Each structure stands twice: as C-alpha cells, then as structure tokens.
Amino acid sequence: DVVASVNRWMVRDTMGQMIKARLDALEAVDDRTFRFRLNKPFPKLLF
C-alpha cells in the first residue's frame, strides 16, 4: 500500500519528481518493510 501510494504521489509532487528521477527501485521487502534504492544521494528524503 505504501509503495503504491508513494508511486502515485511522486508523479504530482515536486520533491516526489526529484526522488523519481534518482530512483532505481522502490520495493516492498515484506509486509512491514519497504526500501528506496537511489542512484544519487537524497539526504532530504524524510522531509
């Protein structure tokens, strides 16, 4: 649910688009764990 929600948001949001441009993968590791794998540092992800 998180991965799908983030994917929808990234299309519309300015910061989301910046993340999407650096994104190698956004994956659900298990039902409670998910991971962003980026090809460029993005220290402001939490913001």
All heavy atoms as atom14 arrays in JSON, in Angstrom:
{
  "sequence": "DVVASVNRWMVRDTMGQMIKARLDALEAVDDRTFRFRLNKPFPKLLF",
  "atom14_mask": [
    [1, 1, 1, 1, 1, 1, 1, 1, 0, 0, 0, 0, 0, 0],
    [1, 1, 1, 1, 1, 1, 1, 0, 0, 0, 0, 0, 0, 0],
    [1, 1, 1, 1, 1, 1, 1, 0, 0, 0, 0, 0, 0, 0],
    [1, 1, 1, 1, 1, 0, 0, 0, 0, 0, 0, 0, 0, 0],
    [1, 1, 1, 1, 1, 1, 0, 0, 0, 0, 0, 0, 0, 0],
    [1, 1, 1, 1, 1, 1, 1, 0, 0, 0, 0, 0, 0, 0],
    [1, 1, 1, 1, 1, 1, 1, 1, 0, 0, 0, 0, 0, 0],
    [1, 1, 1, 1, 1, 1, 1, 1, 1, 1, 1, 0, 0, 0],
    [1, 1, 1, 1, 1, 1, 1, 1, 1, 1, 1, 1, 1, 1],
    [1, 1, 1, 1, 1, 1, 1, 1, 0, 0, 0, 0, 0, 0],
    [1, 1, 1, 1, 1, 1, 1, 0, 0, 0, 0, 0, 0, 0],
    [1, 1, 1, 1, 1, 1, 1, 1, 1, 1, 1, 0, 0, 0],
    [1, 1, 1, 1, 1, 1, 1, 1, 0, 0, 0, 0, 0, 0],
    [1, 1, 1, 1, 1, 1, 1, 0, 0, 0, 0, 0, 0, 0],
    [1, 1, 1, 1, 1, 1, 1, 1, 0, 0, 0, 0, 0, 0],
    [1, 1, 1, 1, 0, 0, 0, 0, 0, 0, 0, 0, 0, 0],
    [1, 1, 1, 1, 1, 1, 1, 1, 1, 0, 0, 0, 0, 0],
    [1, 1, 1, 1, 1, 1, 1, 1, 0, 0, 0, 0, 0, 0],
    [1, 1, 1, 1, 1, 1, 1, 1, 0, 0, 0, 0, 0, 0],
    [1, 1, 1, 1, 1, 1, 1, 1, 1, 0, 0, 0, 0, 0],
    [1, 1, 1, 1, 1, 0, 0, 0, 0, 0, 0, 0, 0, 0],
    [1, 1, 1, 1, 1, 1, 1, 1, 1, 1, 1, 0, 0, 0],
    [1, 1, 1, 1, 1, 1, 1, 1, 0, 0, 0, 0, 0, 0],
    [1, 1, 1, 1, 1, 1, 1, 1, 0, 0, 0, 0, 0, 0],
    [1, 1, 1, 1, 1, 0, 0, 0, 0, 0, 0, 0, 0, 0],
    [1, 1, 1, 1, 1, 1, 1, 1, 0, 0, 0, 0, 0, 0],
    [1, 1, 1, 1, 1, 1, 1, 1, 1, 0, 0, 0, 0, 0],
    [1, 1, 1, 1, 1, 0, 0, 0, 0, 0, 0, 0, 0, 0],
    [1, 1, 1, 1, 1, 1, 1, 0, 0, 0, 0, 0, 0, 0],
    [1, 1, 1, 1, 1, 1, 1, 1, 0, 0, 0, 0, 0, 0],
    [1, 1, 1, 1, 1, 1, 1, 1, 0, 0, 0, 0, 0, 0],
    [1, 1, 1, 1, 1, 1, 1, 1, 1, 1, 1, 0, 0, 0],
    [1, 1, 1, 1, 1, 1, 1, 0, 0, 0, 0, 0, 0, 0],
    [1, 1, 1, 1, 1, 1, 1, 1, 1, 1, 1, 0, 0, 0],
    [1, 1, 1, 1, 1, 1, 1, 1, 1, 1, 1, 0, 0, 0],
    [1, 1, 1, 1, 1, 1, 1, 1, 1, 1, 1, 0, 0, 0],
    [1, 1, 1, 1, 1, 1, 1, 1, 1, 1, 1, 0, 0, 0],
    [1, 1, 1, 1, 1, 1, 1, 1, 0, 0, 0, 0, 0, 0],
    [1, 1, 1, 1, 1, 1, 1, 1, 0, 0, 0, 0, 0, 0],
    [1, 1, 1, 1, 1, 1, 1, 1, 1, 0, 0, 0, 0, 0],
    [1, 1, 1, 1, 1, 1, 1, 0, 0, 0, 0, 0, 0, 0],
    [1, 1, 1, 1, 1, 1, 1, 1, 1, 1, 1, 0, 0, 0],
    [1, 1, 1, 1, 1, 1, 1, 0, 0, 0, 0, 0, 0, 0],
    [1, 1, 1, 1, 1, 1, 1, 1, 1, 0, 0, 0, 0, 0],
    [1, 1, 1, 1, 1, 1, 1, 1, 0, 0, 0, 0, 0, 0],
    [1, 1, 1, 1, 1, 1, 1, 1, 0, 0, 0, 0, 0, 0],
    [1, 1, 1, 1, 1, 1, 1, 1, 1, 1, 1, 0, 0, 0]
  ],
  "atom14_positions": [
    [[0.84, -1.2, 0.0], [0.0, 0.0, 0.0], [0.87, 1.25, 0.0], [0.57, 2.24, -0.68], [-0.91, 0.0, 1.23], [-1.8, -1.23, 1.32], [-2.53, -1.49, 0.35], [-1.74, -1.93, 2.35], [0.0, 0.0, 0.0], [0.0, 0.0, 0.0], [0.0, 0.0, 0.0], [0.0, 0.0, 0.0], [0.0, 0.0, 0.0], [0.0, 0.0, 0.0]],
    [[1.96, 1.2, 0.77], [2.88, 2.33, 0.83], [3.52, 2.57, -0.53], [3.57, 3.7, -1.02], [3.97, 2.09, 1.9], [5.02, 3.2, 1.84], [3.35, 2.01, 3.29], [0.0, 0.0, 0.0], [0.0, 0.0, 0.0], [0.0, 0.0, 0.0], [0.0, 0.0, 0.0], [0.0, 0.0, 0.0], [0.0, 0.0, 0.0], [0.0, 0.0, 0.0]],
    [[4.01, 1.51, -1.17], [4.68, 1.64, -2.46], [3.72, 2.24, -3.49], [4.09, 3.17, -4.24], [5.2, 0.27, -2.94], [5.66, 0.34, -4.4], [6.34, -0.2, -2.04], [0.0, 0.0, 0.0], [0.0, 0.0, 0.0], [0.0, 0.0, 0.0], [0.0, 0.0, 0.0], [0.0, 0.0, 0.0], [0.0, 0.0, 0.0], [0.0, 0.0, 0.0]],
    [[2.48, 1.77, -3.53], [1.51, 2.3, -4.48], [1.19, 3.76, -4.18], [1.07, 4.59, -5.11], [0.23, 1.46, -4.46], [0.0, 0.0, 0.0], [0.0, 0.0, 0.0], [0.0, 0.0, 0.0], [0.0, 0.0, 0.0], [0.0, 0.0, 0.0], [0.0, 0.0, 0.0], [0.0, 0.0, 0.0], [0.0, 0.0, 0.0], [0.0, 0.0, 0.0]],
    [[1.08, 4.11, -2.9], [0.77, 5.49, -2.53], [1.92, 6.42, -2.88], [1.71, 7.53, -3.39], [0.48, 5.57, -1.02], [-0.67, 4.82, -0.67], [0.0, 0.0, 0.0], [0.0, 0.0, 0.0], [0.0, 0.0, 0.0], [0.0, 0.0, 0.0], [0.0, 0.0, 0.0], [0.0, 0.0, 0.0], [0.0, 0.0, 0.0], [0.0, 0.0, 0.0]],
    [[3.16, 5.99, -2.63], [4.32, 6.8, -2.96], [4.44, 6.98, -4.47], [4.72, 8.08, -4.98], [5.61, 6.18, -2.39], [6.85, 6.91, -2.91], [5.59, 6.2, -0.87], [0.0, 0.0, 0.0], [0.0, 0.0, 0.0], [0.0, 0.0, 0.0], [0.0, 0.0, 0.0], [0.0, 0.0, 0.0], [0.0, 0.0, 0.0], [0.0, 0.0, 0.0]],
    [[4.18, 5.91, -5.22], [4.28, 6.0, -6.68], [3.27, 7.0, -7.25], [3.59, 7.76, -8.17], [4.06, 4.62, -7.3], [5.3, 3.74, -7.24], [6.42, 4.25, -7.27], [5.11, 2.44, -7.15], [0.0, 0.0, 0.0], [0.0, 0.0, 0.0], [0.0, 0.0, 0.0], [0.0, 0.0, 0.0], [0.0, 0.0, 0.0], [0.0, 0.0, 0.0]],
    [[2.07, 7.02, -6.71], [1.06, 7.98, -7.18], [1.48, 9.41, -6.84], [1.39, 10.32, -7.66], [-0.3, 7.66, -6.57], [-1.43, 8.57, -7.04], [-2.78, 8.07, -6.58], [-3.86, 8.84, -7.19], [-4.51, 9.84, -6.61], [-4.19, 10.2, -5.38], [-5.48, 10.48, -7.24], [0.0, 0.0, 0.0], [0.0, 0.0, 0.0], [0.0, 0.0, 0.0]],
    [[1.95, 9.61, -5.62], [2.35, 10.94, -5.15], [3.55, 11.48, -5.93], [3.6, 12.67, -6.26], [2.65, 10.85, -3.66], [3.43, 11.99, -3.09], [2.95, 13.2, -2.69], [4.83, 12.01, -2.79], [3.97, 13.98, -2.19], [5.12, 13.27, -2.24], [5.87, 11.09, -2.95], [6.42, 13.63, -1.85], [7.15, 11.44, -2.56], [7.41, 12.7, -2.01]],
    [[4.51, 10.62, -6.26], [5.74, 11.08, -6.92], [5.46, 11.74, -8.26], [6.2, 12.63, -8.68], [6.71, 9.91, -7.12], [7.48, 9.52, -5.87], [8.91, 8.43, -6.2], [8.12, 7.01, -6.94], [0.0, 0.0, 0.0], [0.0, 0.0, 0.0], [0.0, 0.0, 0.0], [0.0, 0.0, 0.0], [0.0, 0.0, 0.0], [0.0, 0.0, 0.0]],
    [[4.41, 11.33, -8.92], [4.1, 11.88, -10.24], [3.71, 13.35, -10.14], [4.04, 14.15, -11.02], [2.96, 11.07, -10.9], [2.53, 11.71, -12.21], [3.39, 9.63, -11.12], [0.0, 0.0, 0.0], [0.0, 0.0, 0.0], [0.0, 0.0, 0.0], [0.0, 0.0, 0.0], [0.0, 0.0, 0.0], [0.0, 0.0, 0.0], [0.0, 0.0, 0.0]],
    [[3.04, 13.74, -9.03], [2.47, 15.08, -8.93], [3.32, 16.06, -8.12], [3.22, 17.27, -8.31], [1.07, 15.0, -8.27], [0.03, 14.26, -9.07], [-0.28, 14.93, -10.4], [-0.75, 16.3, -10.26], [-2.03, 16.65, -10.17], [-2.97, 15.72, -10.21], [-2.38, 17.92, -10.07], [0.0, 0.0, 0.0], [0.0, 0.0, 0.0], [0.0, 0.0, 0.0]],
    [[4.14, 15.55, -7.21], [4.83, 16.43, -6.28], [6.24, 16.78, -6.76], [6.94, 15.95, -7.34], [4.93, 15.75, -4.91], [5.55, 16.66, -3.87], [4.88, 17.61, -3.44], [6.72, 16.43, -3.51], [0.0, 0.0, 0.0], [0.0, 0.0, 0.0], [0.0, 0.0, 0.0], [0.0, 0.0, 0.0], [0.0, 0.0, 0.0], [0.0, 0.0, 0.0]],
    [[6.66, 18.02, -6.49], [7.98, 18.47, -6.94], [9.09, 17.64, -6.32], [10.0, 17.16, -7.02], [8.18, 19.95, -6.57], [7.16, 20.73, -7.19], [9.54, 20.45, -7.04], [0.0, 0.0, 0.0], [0.0, 0.0, 0.0], [0.0, 0.0, 0.0], [0.0, 0.0, 0.0], [0.0, 0.0, 0.0], [0.0, 0.0, 0.0], [0.0, 0.0, 0.0]],
    [[9.04, 17.44, -5.0], [10.06, 16.61, -4.36], [9.93, 15.16, -4.8], [10.92, 14.45, -4.96], [9.97, 16.73, -2.84], [10.42, 18.06, -2.29], [10.63, 18.05, -0.49], [12.19, 17.19, -0.33], [0.0, 0.0, 0.0], [0.0, 0.0, 0.0], [0.0, 0.0, 0.0], [0.0, 0.0, 0.0], [0.0, 0.0, 0.0], [0.0, 0.0, 0.0]],
    [[8.69, 14.72, -5.0], [8.48, 13.36, -5.48], [9.12, 13.13, -6.83], [9.71, 12.08, -7.1], [0.0, 0.0, 0.0], [0.0, 0.0, 0.0], [0.0, 0.0, 0.0], [0.0, 0.0, 0.0], [0.0, 0.0, 0.0], [0.0, 0.0, 0.0], [0.0, 0.0, 0.0], [0.0, 0.0, 0.0], [0.0, 0.0, 0.0], [0.0, 0.0, 0.0]],
    [[9.02, 14.14, -7.7], [9.63, 14.02, -9.02], [11.14, 13.96, -8.93], [11.8, 13.25, -9.71], [9.19, 15.2, -9.89], [7.71, 15.16, -10.25], [7.18, 16.48, -10.75], [7.94, 17.43, -10.97], [5.86, 16.57, -10.93], [0.0, 0.0, 0.0], [0.0, 0.0, 0.0], [0.0, 0.0, 0.0], [0.0, 0.0, 0.0], [0.0, 0.0, 0.0]],
    [[11.72, 14.68, -7.96], [13.16, 14.61, -7.76], [13.58, 13.22, -7.29], [14.6, 12.68, -7.73], [13.59, 15.67, -6.74], [13.38, 17.1, -7.21], [13.94, 18.31, -6.0], [15.71, 18.11, -6.14], [0.0, 0.0, 0.0], [0.0, 0.0, 0.0], [0.0, 0.0, 0.0], [0.0, 0.0, 0.0], [0.0, 0.0, 0.0], [0.0, 0.0, 0.0]],
    [[12.77, 12.63, -6.41], [13.06, 11.27, -5.95], [12.94, 10.3, -7.12], [13.8, 9.42, -7.32], [12.1, 10.88, -4.8], [12.33, 11.76, -3.59], [12.28, 9.4, -4.44], [11.25, 11.64, -2.53], [0.0, 0.0, 0.0], [0.0, 0.0, 0.0], [0.0, 0.0, 0.0], [0.0, 0.0, 0.0], [0.0, 0.0, 0.0], [0.0, 0.0, 0.0]],
    [[11.87, 10.45, -7.89], [11.62, 9.54, -9.01], [12.77, 9.59, -10.02], [13.16, 8.55, -10.59], [10.3, 9.92, -9.68], [9.8, 8.93, -10.72], [8.44, 9.36, -11.24], [7.91, 8.39, -12.29], [7.61, 7.06, -11.71], [0.0, 0.0, 0.0], [0.0, 0.0, 0.0], [0.0, 0.0, 0.0], [0.0, 0.0, 0.0], [0.0, 0.0, 0.0]],
    [[13.35, 10.77, -10.22], [14.46, 10.91, -11.17], [15.72, 10.19, -10.68], [16.6, 9.86, -11.5], [14.76, 12.38, -11.4], [0.0, 0.0, 0.0], [0.0, 0.0, 0.0], [0.0, 0.0, 0.0], [0.0, 0.0, 0.0], [0.0, 0.0, 0.0], [0.0, 0.0, 0.0], [0.0, 0.0, 0.0], [0.0, 0.0, 0.0], [0.0, 0.0, 0.0]],
    [[15.83, 9.94, -9.38], [17.01, 9.28, -8.81], [16.73, 7.82, -8.45], [17.59, 7.15, -7.9], [17.44, 10.01, -7.53], [17.7, 11.48, -7.7], [17.76, 12.2, -6.37], [17.78, 13.65, -6.59], [18.65, 14.49, -6.07], [19.59, 14.03, -5.26], [18.63, 15.77, -6.31], [0.0, 0.0, 0.0], [0.0, 0.0, 0.0], [0.0, 0.0, 0.0]],
    [[15.53, 7.35, -8.73], [15.06, 6.08, -8.18], [15.48, 4.89, -9.05], [15.15, 4.83, -10.24], [13.53, 6.12, -8.05], [12.87, 4.97, -7.3], [13.29, 4.97, -5.84], [11.34, 5.1, -7.4], [0.0, 0.0, 0.0], [0.0, 0.0, 0.0], [0.0, 0.0, 0.0], [0.0, 0.0, 0.0], [0.0, 0.0, 0.0], [0.0, 0.0, 0.0]],
    [[16.22, 3.96, -8.45], [16.47, 2.67, -9.1], [15.35, 1.7, -8.77], [14.91, 0.93, -9.63], [17.81, 2.08, -8.63], [19.01, 2.71, -9.34], [18.8, 3.31, -10.42], [20.12, 2.64, -8.81], [0.0, 0.0, 0.0], [0.0, 0.0, 0.0], [0.0, 0.0, 0.0], [0.0, 0.0, 0.0], [0.0, 0.0, 0.0], [0.0, 0.0, 0.0]],
    [[14.87, 1.74, -7.52], [13.78, 0.84, -7.15], [13.12, 1.33, -5.86], [13.79, 1.88, -4.97], [14.29, -0.59, -6.95], [0.0, 0.0, 0.0], [0.0, 0.0, 0.0], [0.0, 0.0, 0.0], [0.0, 0.0, 0.0], [0.0, 0.0, 0.0], [0.0, 0.0, 0.0], [0.0, 0.0, 0.0], [0.0, 0.0, 0.0], [0.0, 0.0, 0.0]],
    [[11.81, 1.15, -5.79], [11.05, 1.3, -4.54], [10.36, -0.04, -4.35], [9.49, -0.43, -5.14], [10.03, 2.44, -4.65], [9.03, 2.56, -3.49], [9.74, 2.72, -2.15], [8.06, 3.71, -3.74], [0.0, 0.0, 0.0], [0.0, 0.0, 0.0], [0.0, 0.0, 0.0], [0.0, 0.0, 0.0], [0.0, 0.0, 0.0], [0.0, 0.0, 0.0]],
    [[10.74, -0.76, -3.31], [10.31, -2.15, -3.2], [9.74, -2.47, -1.83], [10.16, -1.9, -0.82], [11.51, -3.08, -3.49], [12.73, -2.76, -2.66], [14.01, -3.3, -3.25], [13.97, -3.86, -4.36], [15.07, -3.16, -2.61], [0.0, 0.0, 0.0], [0.0, 0.0, 0.0], [0.0, 0.0, 0.0], [0.0, 0.0, 0.0], [0.0, 0.0, 0.0]],
    [[8.74, -3.35, -1.84], [8.2, -3.9, -0.6], [9.02, -5.13, -0.22], [8.95, -6.16, -0.9], [6.73, -4.27, -0.79], [0.0, 0.0, 0.0], [0.0, 0.0, 0.0], [0.0, 0.0, 0.0], [0.0, 0.0, 0.0], [0.0, 0.0, 0.0], [0.0, 0.0, 0.0], [0.0, 0.0, 0.0], [0.0, 0.0, 0.0], [0.0, 0.0, 0.0]],
    [[9.82, -5.01, 0.83], [10.67, -6.11, 1.26], [9.84, -7.21, 1.92], [10.01, -8.4, 1.65], [11.76, -5.61, 2.22], [12.65, -6.75, 2.71], [12.6, -4.52, 1.55], [0.0, 0.0, 0.0], [0.0, 0.0, 0.0], [0.0, 0.0, 0.0], [0.0, 0.0, 0.0], [0.0, 0.0, 0.0], [0.0, 0.0, 0.0], [0.0, 0.0, 0.0]],
    [[8.93, -6.81, 2.79], [7.92, -7.69, 3.36], [6.72, -6.82, 3.71], [6.68, -5.65, 3.33], [8.46, -8.46, 4.58], [8.99, -7.54, 5.69], [8.36, -6.5, 5.97], [10.04, -7.86, 6.28], [0.0, 0.0, 0.0], [0.0, 0.0, 0.0], [0.0, 0.0, 0.0], [0.0, 0.0, 0.0], [0.0, 0.0, 0.0], [0.0, 0.0, 0.0]],
    [[5.74, -7.35, 4.42], [4.51, -6.59, 4.66], [4.71, -5.34, 5.5], [3.88, -4.43, 5.45], [3.46, -7.49, 5.33], [2.73, -8.35, 4.32], [2.94, -8.14, 3.1], [1.96, -9.24, 4.73], [0.0, 0.0, 0.0], [0.0, 0.0, 0.0], [0.0, 0.0, 0.0], [0.0, 0.0, 0.0], [0.0, 0.0, 0.0], [0.0, 0.0, 0.0]],
    [[5.81, -5.28, 6.26], [6.04, -4.1, 7.09], [7.31, -3.33, 6.72], [7.59, -2.3, 7.32], [6.11, -4.5, 8.58], [4.75, -4.85, 9.19], [4.9, -5.23, 10.66], [5.62, -4.21, 11.41], [6.28, -4.47, 12.55], [6.34, -5.7, 13.03], [6.89, -3.5, 13.19], [0.0, 0.0, 0.0], [0.0, 0.0, 0.0], [0.0, 0.0, 0.0]],
    [[8.05, -3.8, 5.74], [9.32, -3.17, 5.39], [9.33, -2.76, 3.92], [8.93, -3.55, 3.05], [10.5, -4.14, 5.64], [10.41, -4.65, 6.98], [11.83, -3.44, 5.46], [0.0, 0.0, 0.0], [0.0, 0.0, 0.0], [0.0, 0.0, 0.0], [0.0, 0.0, 0.0], [0.0, 0.0, 0.0], [0.0, 0.0, 0.0], [0.0, 0.0, 0.0]],
    [[9.76, -1.55, 3.65], [9.89, -1.09, 2.27], [11.2, -0.31, 2.14], [11.75, 0.19, 3.12], [8.69, -0.24, 1.83], [8.47, 1.0, 2.63], [8.95, 2.24, 2.2], [7.75, 0.97, 3.83], [8.73, 3.4, 2.94], [7.54, 2.12, 4.58], [8.03, 3.33, 4.14], [0.0, 0.0, 0.0], [0.0, 0.0, 0.0], [0.0, 0.0, 0.0]],
    [[11.69, -0.21, 0.91], [13.04, 0.34, 0.71], [13.09, 1.19, -0.56], [12.54, 0.82, -1.6], [14.05, -0.79, 0.61], [15.5, -0.34, 0.36], [16.46, -1.52, 0.36], [16.49, -2.17, 1.66], [16.35, -3.49, 1.86], [16.16, -4.3, 0.83], [16.41, -3.98, 3.09], [0.0, 0.0, 0.0], [0.0, 0.0, 0.0], [0.0, 0.0, 0.0]],
    [[13.74, 2.36, -0.44], [14.12, 3.17, -1.59], [15.56, 2.86, -1.94], [16.44, 2.93, -1.07], [14.04, 4.67, -1.26], [12.66, 5.22, -1.07], [12.0, 5.1, 0.15], [12.01, 5.9, -2.1], [10.74, 5.64, 0.35], [10.76, 6.44, -1.91], [10.11, 6.31, -0.69], [0.0, 0.0, 0.0], [0.0, 0.0, 0.0], [0.0, 0.0, 0.0]],
    [[15.83, 2.54, -3.2], [17.2, 2.41, -3.69], [17.41, 3.49, -4.74], [16.76, 3.47, -5.8], [17.47, 1.01, -4.25], [17.53, -0.06, -3.17], [18.09, -1.39, -3.68], [17.19, -2.06, -4.59], [17.38, -2.2, -5.89], [18.47, -1.66, -6.45], [16.53, -2.85, -6.65], [0.0, 0.0, 0.0], [0.0, 0.0, 0.0], [0.0, 0.0, 0.0]],
    [[18.31, 4.44, -4.44], [18.53, 5.6, -5.29], [19.9, 5.53, -5.95], [20.83, 4.92, -5.42], [18.43, 6.88, -4.46], [17.16, 7.05, -3.6], [17.29, 8.27, -2.7], [15.93, 7.17, -4.46], [0.0, 0.0, 0.0], [0.0, 0.0, 0.0], [0.0, 0.0, 0.0], [0.0, 0.0, 0.0], [0.0, 0.0, 0.0], [0.0, 0.0, 0.0]],
    [[20.02, 6.17, -7.12], [21.32, 6.2, -7.79], [22.07, 7.49, -7.52], [23.14, 7.72, -8.05], [21.16, 5.98, -9.3], [20.15, 6.95, -9.91], [20.19, 8.15, -9.64], [19.23, 6.42, -10.71], [0.0, 0.0, 0.0], [0.0, 0.0, 0.0], [0.0, 0.0, 0.0], [0.0, 0.0, 0.0], [0.0, 0.0, 0.0], [0.0, 0.0, 0.0]],
    [[21.49, 8.35, -6.69], [22.13, 9.6, -6.3], [21.68, 9.95, -4.89], [20.52, 9.72, -4.54], [21.72, 10.72, -7.28], [22.42, 12.05, -7.05], [21.98, 13.08, -8.1], [22.66, 14.43, -7.85], [22.21, 15.45, -8.84], [0.0, 0.0, 0.0], [0.0, 0.0, 0.0], [0.0, 0.0, 0.0], [0.0, 0.0, 0.0], [0.0, 0.0, 0.0]],
    [[22.54, 10.48, -4.05], [22.12, 10.78, -2.67], [20.93, 11.74, -2.61], [20.81, 12.65, -3.44], [23.37, 11.43, -2.06], [24.51, 10.94, -2.9], [23.96, 10.8, -4.29], [0.0, 0.0, 0.0], [0.0, 0.0, 0.0], [0.0, 0.0, 0.0], [0.0, 0.0, 0.0], [0.0, 0.0, 0.0], [0.0, 0.0, 0.0], [0.0, 0.0, 0.0]],
    [[20.06, 11.51, -1.64], [18.93, 12.42, -1.42], [18.73, 12.55, 0.09], [17.87, 11.91, 0.69], [17.66, 11.89, -2.1], [16.59, 12.95, -2.23], [16.72, 13.99, -3.14], [15.46, 12.92, -1.44], [15.74, 14.96, -3.27], [14.47, 13.88, -1.56], [14.61, 14.91, -2.48], [0.0, 0.0, 0.0], [0.0, 0.0, 0.0], [0.0, 0.0, 0.0]],
    [[19.54, 13.4, 0.73], [19.5, 13.5, 2.2], [18.21, 14.1, 2.75], [17.93, 13.96, 3.94], [20.71, 14.39, 2.52], [21.02, 15.13, 1.26], [20.63, 14.21, 0.15], [0.0, 0.0, 0.0], [0.0, 0.0, 0.0], [0.0, 0.0, 0.0], [0.0, 0.0, 0.0], [0.0, 0.0, 0.0], [0.0, 0.0, 0.0], [0.0, 0.0, 0.0]],
    [[17.4, 14.74, 1.91], [16.18, 15.37, 2.4], [14.95, 14.48, 2.2], [13.81, 14.97, 2.18], [15.97, 16.73, 1.71], [17.05, 17.76, 2.11], [16.81, 19.1, 1.45], [17.74, 20.17, 2.02], [19.15, 20.0, 1.64], [0.0, 0.0, 0.0], [0.0, 0.0, 0.0], [0.0, 0.0, 0.0], [0.0, 0.0, 0.0], [0.0, 0.0, 0.0]],
    [[15.14, 13.18, 2.1], [14.02, 12.26, 1.85], [12.97, 12.32, 2.95], [11.76, 12.31, 2.68], [14.53, 10.83, 1.68], [13.45, 9.78, 1.39], [12.78, 10.05, 0.05], [14.03, 8.37, 1.41], [0.0, 0.0, 0.0], [0.0, 0.0, 0.0], [0.0, 0.0, 0.0], [0.0, 0.0, 0.0], [0.0, 0.0, 0.0], [0.0, 0.0, 0.0]],
    [[13.38, 12.37, 4.22], [12.4, 12.38, 5.31], [11.51, 13.61, 5.23], [10.31, 13.54, 5.52], [13.11, 12.34, 6.67], [13.91, 11.08, 6.99], [14.45, 11.17, 8.41], [13.05, 9.83, 6.84], [0.0, 0.0, 0.0], [0.0, 0.0, 0.0], [0.0, 0.0, 0.0], [0.0, 0.0, 0.0], [0.0, 0.0, 0.0], [0.0, 0.0, 0.0]],
    [[12.09, 14.72, 4.84], [11.29, 15.94, 4.69], [10.26, 15.76, 3.58], [9.12, 16.2, 3.69], [12.19, 17.14, 4.39], [11.54, 18.46, 4.69], [11.75, 19.11, 5.89], [10.69, 19.05, 3.77], [11.14, 20.32, 6.17], [10.08, 20.26, 4.03], [10.31, 20.89, 5.24], [0.0, 0.0, 0.0], [0.0, 0.0, 0.0], [0.0, 0.0, 0.0]]
  ]
}
